[in-house]
Structures are given as structure tokens and as C-alpha cells.
Amino acid sequence: MIISTIMSVAGPVTNVFYPSVVAIPNGIVMMLLLAKVPKKGVFTICTAIQAILFLLVGAFWFIPIGLIIGGVICDFLVMSRNEITMKSMMAAYALFSAIFAFSAICPIKFLQSAFVGAMEKNNIAPEYIQGMLSITSVPMLVVIVAAGLVALSVRKR
């Protein structure tokens, strides 16, 4: 959350890429946690805590929903295997990072009026809101989600 706050303050261009950037340090923590407790439910519990924190700081409602959905999907698709390997843990986290990036950036384009209303309610400057709206297009959403996956693949080498 500290990294996302710094990136938000830096401007709308850096703000839309914060899910990809935070995937790297969060991935380290998550891999350590999954290595220590390789059981179903780890993703769901972690993302539920993260979702509560996002709600407490006034994040747009779509982000906590995406976090919880991503955690549940990762638990059921990847962590429910009989043998959990480093590859499966990394695949689960990469999938989670992509879902998180999508849930953080998707509302800017597809739920634009609700997103703008929430930003205005939080006293965000109109120029900042307009900057986020202008940079976010459908192809840019694909780039942002893909950036999280690329960042993770670079980190594992």
C-alpha cells in the first residue's frame, strides 16, 4: 500500500501501473508465506485482509471484490493440487496479480461514472481524474495486466 500511495502521488500515469509494480515485492512475501503454509485458503485469507485494508482507506469498491475473487480462484485452481510446487505457487500468484491489476484499473474504463463519482467524493483534483481517464483505454488495460505477468517472469529468473 505504501508503494501504491507513492505511485498515486506521482501522477495518473504511474498510478495506473501500481498493480504491476507492487506485484514484485508482494510476490516475495507471498512466496515465503506459501512455502511455509502450502495449503488451500492462504490466498483467500490474505486477500480478504488486503480487501478490508483497501476498504478502510477508501478504495473503489471494485478492487476489494477483485481481490477476494482472485484469492478464491487461486486457492481452488492452483492450491488445491495434491502436490504444490514452486511453479504452481508462482502460477497462482501471477494469476492473482493479473486479476488484481484488472480489478484496480478496469473500473476507470468500464465503470467510469461510478469511478469518477468515487474520486470526486474523495476530493481528487479534476485534472488528476481526467489524466487517469485519458490514459486508460482497452488496449492499455491489456498492457497493464500483462505488465504484472512480465514483472513476475523477470523476477523469477
N, C-alpha and C. Protein backbone atom coordinates (compact mmCIF):
# COMPACT_ATOMS: atom_id res chain seq x y z
N MET A 1 0.83 -1.19 0.00
CA MET A 1 0.00 0.00 0.00
C MET A 1 0.87 1.26 0.00
N ILE A 2 2.06 1.17 0.60
CA ILE A 2 2.97 2.31 0.60
C ILE A 2 3.42 2.62 -0.83
N ILE A 3 3.77 1.58 -1.58
CA ILE A 3 4.20 1.78 -2.96
C ILE A 3 3.07 2.36 -3.79
N SER A 4 1.86 1.86 -3.61
CA SER A 4 0.73 2.38 -4.40
C SER A 4 0.43 3.83 -4.04
N THR A 5 0.61 4.20 -2.78
CA THR A 5 0.40 5.59 -2.38
C THR A 5 1.43 6.51 -3.03
N ILE A 6 2.69 6.08 -3.02
CA ILE A 6 3.75 6.88 -3.65
C ILE A 6 3.48 7.03 -5.15
N MET A 7 3.08 5.94 -5.79
CA MET A 7 2.81 6.00 -7.23
C MET A 7 1.59 6.84 -7.54
N SER A 8 0.60 6.86 -6.64
CA SER A 8 -0.59 7.69 -6.83
C SER A 8 -0.24 9.17 -6.74
N VAL A 9 0.62 9.50 -5.79
CA VAL A 9 1.03 10.89 -5.62
C VAL A 9 1.86 11.35 -6.82
N ALA A 10 2.63 10.45 -7.40
CA ALA A 10 3.50 10.81 -8.53
C ALA A 10 2.71 11.24 -9.76
N GLY A 11 1.50 10.76 -9.91
CA GLY A 11 0.68 11.19 -11.03
C GLY A 11 -0.18 10.08 -11.59
N PRO A 12 -1.11 10.43 -12.47
CA PRO A 12 -2.04 9.43 -13.01
C PRO A 12 -1.36 8.37 -13.86
N VAL A 13 -0.27 8.70 -14.53
CA VAL A 13 0.40 7.72 -15.38
C VAL A 13 1.01 6.62 -14.52
N THR A 14 1.68 6.99 -13.45
CA THR A 14 2.27 5.98 -12.57
C THR A 14 1.20 5.25 -11.76
N ASN A 15 0.11 5.94 -11.46
CA ASN A 15 -0.96 5.34 -10.67
C ASN A 15 -1.56 4.11 -11.35
N VAL A 16 -1.75 4.14 -12.65
CA VAL A 16 -2.37 3.01 -13.34
C VAL A 16 -1.45 1.80 -13.41
N PHE A 17 -0.15 1.99 -13.19
CA PHE A 17 0.78 0.86 -13.24
C PHE A 17 1.15 0.32 -11.86
N TYR A 18 0.53 0.85 -10.79
CA TYR A 18 0.92 0.38 -9.47
C TYR A 18 0.64 -1.11 -9.24
N PRO A 19 -0.43 -1.71 -9.79
CA PRO A 19 -0.59 -3.16 -9.55
C PRO A 19 0.57 -3.99 -10.09
N SER A 20 1.13 -3.56 -11.20
CA SER A 20 2.27 -4.30 -11.77
C SER A 20 3.52 -4.12 -10.93
N VAL A 21 3.73 -2.93 -10.41
CA VAL A 21 4.94 -2.65 -9.63
C VAL A 21 4.87 -3.33 -8.26
N VAL A 22 3.71 -3.28 -7.60
CA VAL A 22 3.61 -3.89 -6.27
C VAL A 22 3.61 -5.42 -6.34
N ALA A 23 3.42 -5.99 -7.53
CA ALA A 23 3.45 -7.45 -7.66
C ALA A 23 4.81 -8.02 -7.30
N ILE A 24 5.86 -7.26 -7.51
CA ILE A 24 7.20 -7.78 -7.26
C ILE A 24 7.49 -7.91 -5.75
N PRO A 25 7.42 -6.83 -4.96
CA PRO A 25 7.69 -7.02 -3.53
C PRO A 25 6.63 -7.87 -2.83
N ASN A 26 5.37 -7.74 -3.24
CA ASN A 26 4.33 -8.58 -2.65
C ASN A 26 4.54 -10.05 -3.00
N GLY A 27 5.09 -10.31 -4.19
CA GLY A 27 5.35 -11.68 -4.61
C GLY A 27 6.36 -12.37 -3.72
N ILE A 28 7.36 -11.63 -3.29
CA ILE A 28 8.37 -12.20 -2.39
C ILE A 28 7.73 -12.65 -1.08
N VAL A 29 6.91 -11.78 -0.52
CA VAL A 29 6.23 -12.10 0.74
C VAL A 29 5.28 -13.28 0.55
N MET A 30 4.54 -13.25 -0.55
CA MET A 30 3.56 -14.33 -0.80
C MET A 30 4.26 -15.67 -1.03
N MET A 31 5.37 -15.68 -1.73
CA MET A 31 6.09 -16.94 -1.96
C MET A 31 6.61 -17.51 -0.64
N LEU A 32 7.12 -16.66 0.24
CA LEU A 32 7.56 -17.12 1.55
C LEU A 32 6.40 -17.69 2.35
N LEU A 33 5.27 -17.02 2.31
CA LEU A 33 4.09 -17.49 3.02
C LEU A 33 3.59 -18.81 2.46
N LEU A 34 3.52 -18.92 1.13
CA LEU A 34 3.06 -20.16 0.51
C LEU A 34 4.03 -21.31 0.73
N ALA A 35 5.32 -21.02 0.78
CA ALA A 35 6.30 -22.07 1.05
C ALA A 35 6.17 -22.58 2.49
N LYS A 36 5.84 -21.68 3.39
CA LYS A 36 5.70 -22.06 4.80
C LYS A 36 4.35 -22.74 5.07
N VAL A 37 3.29 -22.26 4.41
CA VAL A 37 1.94 -22.80 4.62
C VAL A 37 1.33 -23.11 3.25
N PRO A 38 1.74 -24.19 2.60
CA PRO A 38 1.22 -24.50 1.26
C PRO A 38 -0.15 -25.20 1.31
N LYS A 39 -1.16 -24.48 1.77
CA LYS A 39 -2.49 -25.07 1.93
C LYS A 39 -3.54 -24.20 1.26
N LYS A 40 -4.65 -24.84 0.95
CA LYS A 40 -5.78 -24.14 0.39
C LYS A 40 -6.31 -23.16 1.44
N GLY A 41 -6.62 -21.96 1.00
CA GLY A 41 -7.15 -20.95 1.89
C GLY A 41 -6.18 -19.81 2.16
N VAL A 42 -4.91 -20.01 1.87
CA VAL A 42 -3.91 -18.98 2.14
C VAL A 42 -4.19 -17.73 1.31
N PHE A 43 -4.44 -17.92 0.01
CA PHE A 43 -4.73 -16.78 -0.85
C PHE A 43 -6.01 -16.07 -0.40
N THR A 44 -7.04 -16.83 -0.09
CA THR A 44 -8.32 -16.23 0.30
C THR A 44 -8.19 -15.41 1.57
N ILE A 45 -7.50 -15.94 2.56
CA ILE A 45 -7.32 -15.21 3.82
C ILE A 45 -6.49 -13.95 3.60
N CYS A 46 -5.38 -14.07 2.86
CA CYS A 46 -4.54 -12.90 2.60
C CYS A 46 -5.29 -11.82 1.82
N THR A 47 -6.03 -12.25 0.81
CA THR A 47 -6.74 -11.25 0.00
C THR A 47 -7.92 -10.65 0.75
N ALA A 48 -8.54 -11.40 1.66
CA ALA A 48 -9.62 -10.83 2.47
C ALA A 48 -9.08 -9.73 3.38
N ILE A 49 -7.91 -9.97 3.97
CA ILE A 49 -7.29 -8.94 4.81
C ILE A 49 -6.92 -7.73 3.97
N GLN A 50 -6.35 -7.97 2.80
CA GLN A 50 -5.98 -6.88 1.91
C GLN A 50 -7.23 -6.11 1.45
N ALA A 51 -8.31 -6.82 1.17
CA ALA A 51 -9.56 -6.16 0.74
C ALA A 51 -10.11 -5.27 1.84
N ILE A 52 -10.05 -5.73 3.08
CA ILE A 52 -10.52 -4.92 4.20
C ILE A 52 -9.69 -3.65 4.32
N LEU A 53 -8.37 -3.79 4.17
CA LEU A 53 -7.50 -2.61 4.23
C LEU A 53 -7.84 -1.62 3.11
N PHE A 54 -8.08 -2.13 1.90
CA PHE A 54 -8.45 -1.24 0.80
C PHE A 54 -9.76 -0.53 1.09
N LEU A 55 -10.73 -1.22 1.66
CA LEU A 55 -12.00 -0.58 2.01
C LEU A 55 -11.81 0.49 3.07
N LEU A 56 -10.93 0.22 4.04
CA LEU A 56 -10.70 1.19 5.12
C LEU A 56 -10.04 2.47 4.62
N VAL A 57 -9.23 2.39 3.56
CA VAL A 57 -8.58 3.59 3.04
C VAL A 57 -9.41 4.27 1.95
N GLY A 58 -10.60 3.76 1.69
CA GLY A 58 -11.50 4.43 0.75
C GLY A 58 -11.30 4.06 -0.70
N ALA A 59 -10.77 2.88 -0.97
CA ALA A 59 -10.57 2.45 -2.35
C ALA A 59 -11.92 2.20 -3.02
N PHE A 60 -11.93 2.26 -4.33
CA PHE A 60 -13.13 1.98 -5.10
C PHE A 60 -13.56 0.54 -4.82
N TRP A 61 -14.84 0.29 -4.66
CA TRP A 61 -15.37 -1.00 -4.23
C TRP A 61 -15.00 -2.17 -5.13
N PHE A 62 -14.68 -1.92 -6.38
CA PHE A 62 -14.38 -3.00 -7.33
C PHE A 62 -13.05 -3.69 -6.98
N ILE A 63 -12.13 -2.94 -6.38
CA ILE A 63 -10.82 -3.50 -6.04
C ILE A 63 -10.93 -4.60 -4.98
N PRO A 64 -11.60 -4.36 -3.83
CA PRO A 64 -11.73 -5.45 -2.85
C PRO A 64 -12.47 -6.67 -3.39
N ILE A 65 -13.47 -6.45 -4.22
CA ILE A 65 -14.18 -7.58 -4.82
C ILE A 65 -13.23 -8.38 -5.70
N GLY A 66 -12.45 -7.69 -6.53
CA GLY A 66 -11.48 -8.37 -7.38
C GLY A 66 -10.42 -9.12 -6.58
N LEU A 67 -9.98 -8.54 -5.47
CA LEU A 67 -9.00 -9.21 -4.61
C LEU A 67 -9.55 -10.53 -4.08
N ILE A 68 -10.75 -10.50 -3.57
CA ILE A 68 -11.33 -11.71 -2.99
C ILE A 68 -11.59 -12.76 -4.07
N ILE A 69 -12.13 -12.34 -5.21
CA ILE A 69 -12.36 -13.28 -6.31
C ILE A 69 -11.03 -13.89 -6.76
N GLY A 70 -10.00 -13.06 -6.90
CA GLY A 70 -8.68 -13.56 -7.29
C GLY A 70 -8.13 -14.56 -6.29
N GLY A 71 -8.29 -14.28 -5.01
CA GLY A 71 -7.81 -15.20 -3.98
C GLY A 71 -8.53 -16.54 -4.01
N VAL A 72 -9.84 -16.50 -4.17
CA VAL A 72 -10.62 -17.74 -4.22
C VAL A 72 -10.25 -18.55 -5.46
N ILE A 73 -10.14 -17.88 -6.60
CA ILE A 73 -9.76 -18.59 -7.83
C ILE A 73 -8.40 -19.25 -7.68
N CYS A 74 -7.43 -18.53 -7.14
CA CYS A 74 -6.09 -19.10 -6.96
C CYS A 74 -6.11 -20.29 -6.00
N ASP A 75 -6.88 -20.18 -4.93
CA ASP A 75 -6.96 -21.30 -3.99
C ASP A 75 -7.56 -22.54 -4.65
N PHE A 76 -8.63 -22.37 -5.40
CA PHE A 76 -9.30 -23.53 -5.97
C PHE A 76 -8.62 -24.10 -7.21
N LEU A 77 -8.07 -23.23 -8.05
CA LEU A 77 -7.45 -23.73 -9.28
C LEU A 77 -6.04 -24.26 -9.10
N VAL A 78 -5.26 -23.61 -8.28
CA VAL A 78 -3.85 -23.97 -8.19
C VAL A 78 -3.50 -24.61 -6.85
N MET A 79 -3.94 -24.05 -5.77
CA MET A 79 -3.52 -24.52 -4.46
C MET A 79 -4.24 -25.80 -4.04
N SER A 80 -5.26 -26.21 -4.77
CA SER A 80 -5.98 -27.43 -4.40
C SER A 80 -5.33 -28.69 -4.96
N ARG A 81 -4.18 -28.56 -5.61
CA ARG A 81 -3.47 -29.72 -6.15
C ARG A 81 -2.95 -30.60 -5.03
N ASN A 82 -2.71 -31.86 -5.36
CA ASN A 82 -2.14 -32.77 -4.37
C ASN A 82 -0.72 -32.37 -3.99
N GLU A 83 0.07 -32.00 -4.99
CA GLU A 83 1.44 -31.58 -4.74
C GLU A 83 1.59 -30.13 -5.18
N ILE A 84 1.96 -29.29 -4.25
CA ILE A 84 2.12 -27.87 -4.55
C ILE A 84 3.61 -27.61 -4.76
N THR A 85 3.94 -27.16 -5.95
CA THR A 85 5.33 -26.89 -6.31
C THR A 85 5.57 -25.40 -6.39
N MET A 86 6.83 -25.03 -6.53
CA MET A 86 7.18 -23.61 -6.70
C MET A 86 6.52 -23.07 -7.96
N LYS A 87 6.48 -23.88 -9.02
CA LYS A 87 5.84 -23.44 -10.27
C LYS A 87 4.35 -23.16 -10.05
N SER A 88 3.67 -24.05 -9.33
CA SER A 88 2.24 -23.83 -9.11
C SER A 88 2.00 -22.61 -8.22
N MET A 89 2.87 -22.38 -7.25
CA MET A 89 2.72 -21.19 -6.40
C MET A 89 2.94 -19.92 -7.22
N MET A 90 3.94 -19.94 -8.10
CA MET A 90 4.21 -18.77 -8.94
C MET A 90 3.09 -18.55 -9.94
N ALA A 91 2.55 -19.64 -10.48
CA ALA A 91 1.42 -19.51 -11.41
C ALA A 91 0.21 -18.94 -10.70
N ALA A 92 -0.04 -19.38 -9.47
CA ALA A 92 -1.16 -18.85 -8.69
C ALA A 92 -0.97 -17.36 -8.42
N TYR A 93 0.23 -16.98 -8.03
CA TYR A 93 0.46 -15.56 -7.74
C TYR A 93 0.41 -14.71 -9.01
N ALA A 94 0.90 -15.22 -10.11
CA ALA A 94 0.82 -14.48 -11.38
C ALA A 94 -0.63 -14.28 -11.78
N LEU A 95 -1.44 -15.32 -11.64
CA LEU A 95 -2.87 -15.21 -11.94
C LEU A 95 -3.52 -14.19 -11.01
N PHE A 96 -3.19 -14.26 -9.73
CA PHE A 96 -3.74 -13.30 -8.78
C PHE A 96 -3.34 -11.87 -9.14
N SER A 97 -2.08 -11.67 -9.51
CA SER A 97 -1.60 -10.33 -9.87
C SER A 97 -2.33 -9.78 -11.08
N ALA A 98 -2.60 -10.63 -12.05
CA ALA A 98 -3.34 -10.20 -13.24
C ALA A 98 -4.76 -9.82 -12.86
N ILE A 99 -5.41 -10.61 -12.00
CA ILE A 99 -6.78 -10.29 -11.57
C ILE A 99 -6.79 -9.00 -10.77
N PHE A 100 -5.81 -8.82 -9.91
CA PHE A 100 -5.72 -7.59 -9.13
C PHE A 100 -5.53 -6.37 -10.03
N ALA A 101 -4.62 -6.48 -11.00
CA ALA A 101 -4.39 -5.36 -11.92
C ALA A 101 -5.66 -5.03 -12.68
N PHE A 102 -6.37 -6.06 -13.12
CA PHE A 102 -7.61 -5.83 -13.85
C PHE A 102 -8.65 -5.16 -12.96
N SER A 103 -8.78 -5.62 -11.71
CA SER A 103 -9.80 -5.05 -10.82
C SER A 103 -9.44 -3.63 -10.39
N ALA A 104 -8.16 -3.31 -10.37
CA ALA A 104 -7.76 -1.96 -9.97
C ALA A 104 -7.91 -0.95 -11.10
N ILE A 105 -7.73 -1.40 -12.35
CA ILE A 105 -7.72 -0.47 -13.47
C ILE A 105 -9.02 -0.53 -14.31
N CYS A 106 -9.65 -1.67 -14.35
CA CYS A 106 -10.87 -1.86 -15.15
C CYS A 106 -11.97 -0.83 -14.87
N PRO A 107 -12.24 -0.48 -13.60
CA PRO A 107 -13.32 0.48 -13.35
C PRO A 107 -13.10 1.85 -13.99
N ILE A 108 -11.85 2.21 -14.20
CA ILE A 108 -11.57 3.52 -14.80
C ILE A 108 -12.22 3.60 -16.17
N LYS A 109 -12.23 2.50 -16.91
CA LYS A 109 -12.78 2.49 -18.25
C LYS A 109 -14.23 2.03 -18.29
N PHE A 110 -14.53 0.91 -17.62
CA PHE A 110 -15.84 0.29 -17.78
C PHE A 110 -16.88 0.76 -16.76
N LEU A 111 -16.48 1.29 -15.64
CA LEU A 111 -17.39 1.84 -14.64
C LEU A 111 -17.04 3.31 -14.41
N GLN A 112 -16.87 4.01 -15.51
CA GLN A 112 -16.31 5.35 -15.49
C GLN A 112 -17.10 6.32 -14.62
N SER A 113 -18.41 6.36 -14.75
CA SER A 113 -19.17 7.35 -13.98
C SER A 113 -19.11 7.06 -12.48
N ALA A 114 -19.18 5.78 -12.09
CA ALA A 114 -19.08 5.42 -10.68
C ALA A 114 -17.67 5.71 -10.16
N PHE A 115 -16.67 5.43 -10.99
CA PHE A 115 -15.29 5.69 -10.60
C PHE A 115 -15.06 7.19 -10.40
N VAL A 116 -15.51 7.99 -11.34
CA VAL A 116 -15.34 9.44 -11.23
C VAL A 116 -16.07 9.96 -10.00
N GLY A 117 -17.28 9.45 -9.75
CA GLY A 117 -18.03 9.85 -8.56
C GLY A 117 -17.28 9.55 -7.28
N ALA A 118 -16.67 8.36 -7.21
CA ALA A 118 -15.90 7.99 -6.02
C ALA A 118 -14.66 8.87 -5.87
N MET A 119 -14.00 9.16 -7.00
CA MET A 119 -12.81 10.02 -6.95
C MET A 119 -13.19 11.44 -6.49
N GLU A 120 -14.30 11.95 -7.02
CA GLU A 120 -14.73 13.29 -6.62
C GLU A 120 -15.12 13.32 -5.15
N LYS A 121 -15.75 12.24 -4.67
CA LYS A 121 -16.13 12.14 -3.26
C LYS A 121 -14.89 12.17 -2.36
N ASN A 122 -13.77 11.61 -2.86
CA ASN A 122 -12.52 11.61 -2.11
C ASN A 122 -11.68 12.87 -2.35
N ASN A 123 -12.30 13.89 -2.97
CA ASN A 123 -11.66 15.19 -3.22
C ASN A 123 -10.40 15.10 -4.08
N ILE A 124 -10.44 14.25 -5.10
CA ILE A 124 -9.33 14.15 -6.04
C ILE A 124 -9.50 15.26 -7.09
N ALA A 125 -8.41 15.90 -7.43
CA ALA A 125 -8.44 17.02 -8.37
C ALA A 125 -8.99 16.57 -9.73
N PRO A 126 -9.84 17.40 -10.37
CA PRO A 126 -10.40 17.05 -11.67
C PRO A 126 -9.34 16.76 -12.74
N GLU A 127 -8.21 17.48 -12.68
CA GLU A 127 -7.14 17.25 -13.65
C GLU A 127 -6.55 15.85 -13.49
N TYR A 128 -6.42 15.40 -12.26
CA TYR A 128 -5.89 14.06 -11.98
C TYR A 128 -6.85 13.00 -12.50
N ILE A 129 -8.14 13.19 -12.24
CA ILE A 129 -9.16 12.25 -12.73
C ILE A 129 -9.13 12.19 -14.24
N GLN A 130 -9.07 13.35 -14.88
CA GLN A 130 -9.04 13.40 -16.34
C GLN A 130 -7.78 12.72 -16.88
N GLY A 131 -6.67 12.88 -16.20
CA GLY A 131 -5.43 12.22 -16.61
C GLY A 131 -5.56 10.71 -16.57
N MET A 132 -6.20 10.20 -15.53
CA MET A 132 -6.40 8.74 -15.43
C MET A 132 -7.36 8.26 -16.52
N LEU A 133 -8.40 9.04 -16.79
CA LEU A 133 -9.36 8.65 -17.82
C LEU A 133 -8.72 8.66 -19.20
N SER A 134 -7.87 9.65 -19.45
CA SER A 134 -7.28 9.76 -20.79
C SER A 134 -6.23 8.68 -21.07
N ILE A 135 -5.54 8.22 -20.03
CA ILE A 135 -4.51 7.20 -20.26
C ILE A 135 -5.11 5.79 -20.34
N THR A 136 -6.29 5.60 -19.80
CA THR A 136 -6.86 4.27 -19.71
C THR A 136 -7.76 3.99 -20.91
N SER A 137 -7.29 3.09 -21.76
CA SER A 137 -8.08 2.60 -22.90
C SER A 137 -8.10 1.08 -22.80
N VAL A 138 -8.89 0.44 -23.63
CA VAL A 138 -8.96 -1.02 -23.59
C VAL A 138 -7.60 -1.65 -23.90
N PRO A 139 -6.88 -1.20 -24.95
CA PRO A 139 -5.54 -1.78 -25.16
C PRO A 139 -4.59 -1.51 -23.98
N MET A 140 -4.75 -0.36 -23.34
CA MET A 140 -3.89 -0.06 -22.19
C MET A 140 -4.20 -0.99 -21.02
N LEU A 141 -5.46 -1.39 -20.86
CA LEU A 141 -5.80 -2.36 -19.82
C LEU A 141 -5.05 -3.67 -20.03
N VAL A 142 -4.97 -4.10 -21.28
CA VAL A 142 -4.25 -5.33 -21.61
C VAL A 142 -2.76 -5.16 -21.27
N VAL A 143 -2.20 -4.00 -21.60
CA VAL A 143 -0.79 -3.73 -21.31
C VAL A 143 -0.54 -3.75 -19.80
N ILE A 144 -1.43 -3.16 -19.03
CA ILE A 144 -1.25 -3.08 -17.58
C ILE A 144 -1.32 -4.47 -16.95
N VAL A 145 -2.30 -5.27 -17.36
CA VAL A 145 -2.41 -6.63 -16.83
C VAL A 145 -1.20 -7.46 -17.24
N ALA A 146 -0.78 -7.33 -18.49
CA ALA A 146 0.39 -8.08 -18.98
C ALA A 146 1.67 -7.63 -18.27
N ALA A 147 1.75 -6.36 -17.89
CA ALA A 147 2.95 -5.86 -17.21
C ALA A 147 3.16 -6.58 -15.88
N GLY A 148 2.08 -6.89 -15.18
CA GLY A 148 2.20 -7.65 -13.94
C GLY A 148 2.76 -9.04 -14.17
N LEU A 149 2.32 -9.68 -15.23
CA LEU A 149 2.82 -11.02 -15.54
C LEU A 149 4.28 -10.97 -15.98
N VAL A 150 4.65 -9.97 -16.75
CA VAL A 150 6.03 -9.83 -17.21
C VAL A 150 6.95 -9.54 -16.02
N ALA A 151 6.51 -8.67 -15.12
CA ALA A 151 7.32 -8.35 -13.95
C ALA A 151 7.60 -9.60 -13.13
N LEU A 152 6.63 -10.47 -13.02
CA LEU A 152 6.83 -11.70 -12.26
C LEU A 152 7.77 -12.67 -12.98
N SER A 153 7.67 -12.72 -14.30
CA SER A 153 8.55 -13.66 -15.02
C SER A 153 10.00 -13.17 -14.97
N VAL A 154 10.20 -11.87 -14.94
CA VAL A 154 11.57 -11.32 -14.83
C VAL A 154 12.10 -11.61 -13.44
N ARG A 155 11.27 -11.50 -12.41
CA ARG A 155 11.68 -11.70 -11.04
C ARG A 155 12.12 -13.13 -10.77
N LYS A 156 11.50 -14.12 -11.42
CA LYS A 156 11.83 -15.50 -11.11
C LYS A 156 13.15 -15.96 -11.73
N ARG A 157 13.74 -15.21 -12.62
CA ARG A 157 14.99 -15.61 -13.27
C ARG A 157 16.14 -15.28 -12.44
